[in-house]
Amino acid sequence: MKEASPGGNIAVGPGENGADAADFPYGYYLSRVLATIEANWFKPPGGTGMRCRVTCRIDRTGHLLEAGLDEPSAQPAFDRAALRAVYAAAPFPPLPQGYASPTLTLHLEFGP
């Protein structure tokens, strides 16, 4: 099951070779991250039905290490808006203390 943002427009999806988030047991953390990204996402006009996928990596302190477009939509403005939302939402809350890895990789699916 995918974790989705409050508005349902952004979801954490599976990644190639498995996603870090697939086994991430801290749903509350994912919910906070997705809500923050969604609050910063302003879909451009004409983005109806568009989808794209962004992968980002967050370090233990909540800083965004990188974000990139994995699967573009048919509209470059939609893709730029999705990337802009991720960058604008950073920094994120620190990773949960019980999470052992130094980073968390999220595969975000932006949709209508």
C-alpha atoms as a PDB file:
ATOM      1  CA  MET A   1       0.000   0.000   0.000  1.00  0.00           C
ATOM      2  CA  LYS A   2       1.280   3.451  -0.885  1.00  0.00           C
ATOM      3  CA  GLU A   3       1.515   6.295   1.586  1.00  0.00           C
ATOM      4  CA  ALA A   4      -0.316   9.307   0.097  1.00  0.00           C
ATOM      5  CA  SER A   5      -0.446  13.011   0.858  1.00  0.00           C
ATOM      6  CA  PRO A   6      -3.549  14.508   2.520  1.00  0.00           C
ATOM      7  CA  GLY A   7      -4.865  15.739  -0.833  1.00  0.00           C
ATOM      8  CA  GLY A   8      -3.997  12.451  -2.528  1.00  0.00           C
ATOM      9  CA  ASN A   9      -1.902  14.175  -5.202  1.00  0.00           C
ATOM     10  CA  ILE A  10       1.477  12.806  -4.108  1.00  0.00           C
ATOM     11  CA  ALA A  11       2.276   9.224  -3.136  1.00  0.00           C
ATOM     12  CA  VAL A  12       5.365   7.306  -2.110  1.00  0.00           C
ATOM     13  CA  GLY A  13       5.743   4.579  -4.688  1.00  0.00           C
ATOM     14  CA  PRO A  14       8.004   1.572  -5.077  1.00  0.00           C
ATOM     15  CA  GLY A  15      11.498   2.149  -6.342  1.00  0.00           C
ATOM     16  CA  GLU A  16      13.773   0.172  -8.605  1.00  0.00           C
ATOM     17  CA  ASN A  17      15.404  -2.692  -6.701  1.00  0.00           C
ATOM     18  CA  GLY A  18      13.072  -1.877  -3.816  1.00  0.00           C
ATOM     19  CA  ALA A  19      12.538   1.470  -2.172  1.00  0.00           C
ATOM     20  CA  ASP A  20      13.886   2.474   1.212  1.00  0.00           C
ATOM     21  CA  ALA A  21      10.386   3.711   2.020  1.00  0.00           C
ATOM     22  CA  ALA A  22       8.793   0.341   1.205  1.00  0.00           C
ATOM     23  CA  ASP A  23       9.972  -1.085   4.536  1.00  0.00           C
ATOM     24  CA  PHE A  24      10.017   2.221   6.394  1.00  0.00           C
ATOM     25  CA  PRO A  25       7.946   1.622   9.566  1.00  0.00           C
ATOM     26  CA  TYR A  26       7.386   5.290  10.405  1.00  0.00           C
ATOM     27  CA  GLY A  27       4.195   6.213   8.559  1.00  0.00           C
ATOM     28  CA  TYR A  28       3.782   9.383  10.602  1.00  0.00           C
ATOM     29  CA  TYR A  29       7.102  10.653   9.240  1.00  0.00           C
ATOM     30  CA  LEU A  30       6.115   9.951   5.627  1.00  0.00           C
ATOM     31  CA  SER A  31       2.777  11.683   6.215  1.00  0.00           C
ATOM     32  CA  ARG A  32       4.544  14.819   7.478  1.00  0.00           C
ATOM     33  CA  VAL A  33       6.980  14.864   4.567  1.00  0.00           C
ATOM     34  CA  LEU A  34       4.218  14.365   1.984  1.00  0.00           C
ATOM     35  CA  ALA A  35       1.997  17.040   3.552  1.00  0.00           C
ATOM     36  CA  THR A  36       4.884  19.522   3.494  1.00  0.00           C
ATOM     37  CA  ILE A  37       5.702  18.774  -0.138  1.00  0.00           C
ATOM     38  CA  GLU A  38       2.045  18.987  -1.155  1.00  0.00           C
ATOM     39  CA  ALA A  39       1.712  22.377   0.570  1.00  0.00           C
ATOM     40  CA  ASN A  40       4.503  23.621  -1.709  1.00  0.00           C
ATOM     41  CA  TRP A  41       3.197  22.058  -4.923  1.00  0.00           C
ATOM     42  CA  PHE A  42       1.462  24.402  -7.306  1.00  0.00           C
ATOM     43  CA  LYS A  43       0.318  22.523 -10.389  1.00  0.00           C
ATOM     44  CA  PRO A  44       0.587  24.531 -13.584  1.00  0.00           C
ATOM     45  CA  PRO A  45      -2.493  25.089 -15.750  1.00  0.00           C
ATOM     46  CA  GLY A  46      -3.131  22.248 -18.135  1.00  0.00           C
ATOM     47  CA  GLY A  47      -1.648  19.631 -15.815  1.00  0.00           C
ATOM     48  CA  THR A  48      -4.855  17.602 -15.711  1.00  0.00           C
ATOM     49  CA  GLY A  49      -4.123  13.906 -15.990  1.00  0.00           C
ATOM     50  CA  MET A  50      -0.345  14.415 -15.863  1.00  0.00           C
ATOM     51  CA  ARG A  51       1.932  12.213 -13.769  1.00  0.00           C
ATOM     52  CA  CYS A  52       5.634  12.301 -13.030  1.00  0.00           C
ATOM     53  CA  ARG A  53       7.996  10.610 -10.633  1.00  0.00           C
ATOM     54  CA  VAL A  54      10.674  12.280  -8.511  1.00  0.00           C
ATOM     55  CA  THR A  55      13.256  10.509  -6.364  1.00  0.00           C
ATOM     56  CA  CYS A  56      14.754  12.354  -3.423  1.00  0.00           C
ATOM     57  CA  ARG A  57      17.200  11.478  -0.676  1.00  0.00           C
ATOM     58  CA  ILE A  58      16.964  12.912   2.848  1.00  0.00           C
ATOM     59  CA  ASP A  59      19.785  12.730   5.388  1.00  0.00           C
ATOM     60  CA  ARG A  60      19.451  11.975   9.088  1.00  0.00           C
ATOM     61  CA  THR A  61      19.072  15.673   9.991  1.00  0.00           C
ATOM     62  CA  GLY A  62      16.276  16.183   7.441  1.00  0.00           C
ATOM     63  CA  HIS A  63      18.333  17.955   4.805  1.00  0.00           C
ATOM     64  CA  LEU A  64      17.581  17.205   1.182  1.00  0.00           C
ATOM     65  CA  LEU A  65      20.695  15.670  -0.349  1.00  0.00           C
ATOM     66  CA  GLU A  66      19.339  15.357  -3.873  1.00  0.00           C
ATOM     67  CA  ALA A  67      16.174  15.278  -5.922  1.00  0.00           C
ATOM     68  CA  GLY A  68      15.735  14.324  -9.532  1.00  0.00           C
ATOM     69  CA  LEU A  69      13.115  13.526 -12.121  1.00  0.00           C
ATOM     70  CA  ASP A  70      12.880   9.783 -12.818  1.00  0.00           C
ATOM     71  CA  GLU A  71       9.818   9.646 -15.043  1.00  0.00           C
ATOM     72  CA  PRO A  72       8.762  12.875 -16.732  1.00  0.00           C
ATOM     73  CA  SER A  73       5.230  13.758 -17.710  1.00  0.00           C
ATOM     74  CA  ALA A  74       4.356  15.069 -21.149  1.00  0.00           C
ATOM     75  CA  GLN A  75       4.514  18.624 -19.781  1.00  0.00           C
ATOM     76  CA  PRO A  76       7.888  20.060 -18.666  1.00  0.00           C
ATOM     77  CA  ALA A  77       6.152  22.750 -16.564  1.00  0.00           C
ATOM     78  CA  PHE A  78       4.424  20.007 -14.549  1.00  0.00           C
ATOM     79  CA  ASP A  79       7.770  18.272 -13.960  1.00  0.00           C
ATOM     80  CA  ARG A  80       9.448  21.508 -12.870  1.00  0.00           C
ATOM     81  CA  ALA A  81       6.580  22.236 -10.466  1.00  0.00           C
ATOM     82  CA  ALA A  82       6.998  18.807  -8.849  1.00  0.00           C
ATOM     83  CA  LEU A  83      10.745  19.272  -8.391  1.00  0.00           C
ATOM     84  CA  ARG A  84      10.223  22.802  -7.112  1.00  0.00           C
ATOM     85  CA  ALA A  85       7.773  21.489  -4.481  1.00  0.00           C
ATOM     86  CA  VAL A  86      10.347  19.029  -3.131  1.00  0.00           C
ATOM     87  CA  TYR A  87      13.095  21.654  -2.929  1.00  0.00           C
ATOM     88  CA  ALA A  88      10.757  24.246  -1.373  1.00  0.00           C
ATOM     89  CA  ALA A  89       9.608  21.775   1.302  1.00  0.00           C
ATOM     90  CA  ALA A  90      13.150  21.139   2.550  1.00  0.00           C
ATOM     91  CA  PRO A  91      14.522  20.900   5.125  1.00  0.00           C
ATOM     92  CA  PHE A  92      12.344  18.093   6.435  1.00  0.00           C
ATOM     93  CA  PRO A  93      12.042  16.870  10.020  1.00  0.00           C
ATOM     94  CA  PRO A  94      14.997  14.764  11.184  1.00  0.00           C
ATOM     95  CA  LEU A  95      14.662  11.057  10.455  1.00  0.00           C
ATOM     96  CA  PRO A  96      13.125   9.061  13.321  1.00  0.00           C
ATOM     97  CA  GLN A  97      15.670   8.006  15.951  1.00  0.00           C
ATOM     98  CA  GLY A  98      14.836   4.328  15.545  1.00  0.00           C
ATOM     99  CA  TYR A  99      15.640   4.414  11.823  1.00  0.00           C
ATOM    100  CA  ALA A 100      19.141   2.961  11.431  1.00  0.00           C
ATOM    101  CA  SER A 101      20.084   4.113   7.928  1.00  0.00           C
ATOM    102  CA  PRO A 102      21.849   7.478   7.510  1.00  0.00           C
ATOM    103  CA  THR A 103      19.538   8.434   4.609  1.00  0.00           C
ATOM    104  CA  LEU A 104      16.008   7.823   3.356  1.00  0.00           C
ATOM    105  CA  THR A 105      15.250   7.585  -0.362  1.00  0.00           C
ATOM    106  CA  LEU A 106      11.698   8.415  -1.422  1.00  0.00           C
ATOM    107  CA  HIS A 107      10.186   7.716  -4.832  1.00  0.00           C
ATOM    108  CA  LEU A 108       7.406  10.295  -5.146  1.00  0.00           C
ATOM    109  CA  GLU A 109       4.622   9.986  -7.671  1.00  0.00           C
ATOM    110  CA  PHE A 110       2.973  13.315  -8.503  1.00  0.00           C
ATOM    111  CA  GLY A 111      -0.445  13.072 -10.098  1.00  0.00           C
ATOM    112  CA  PRO A 112      -3.720  14.834 -10.734  1.00  0.00           C
END
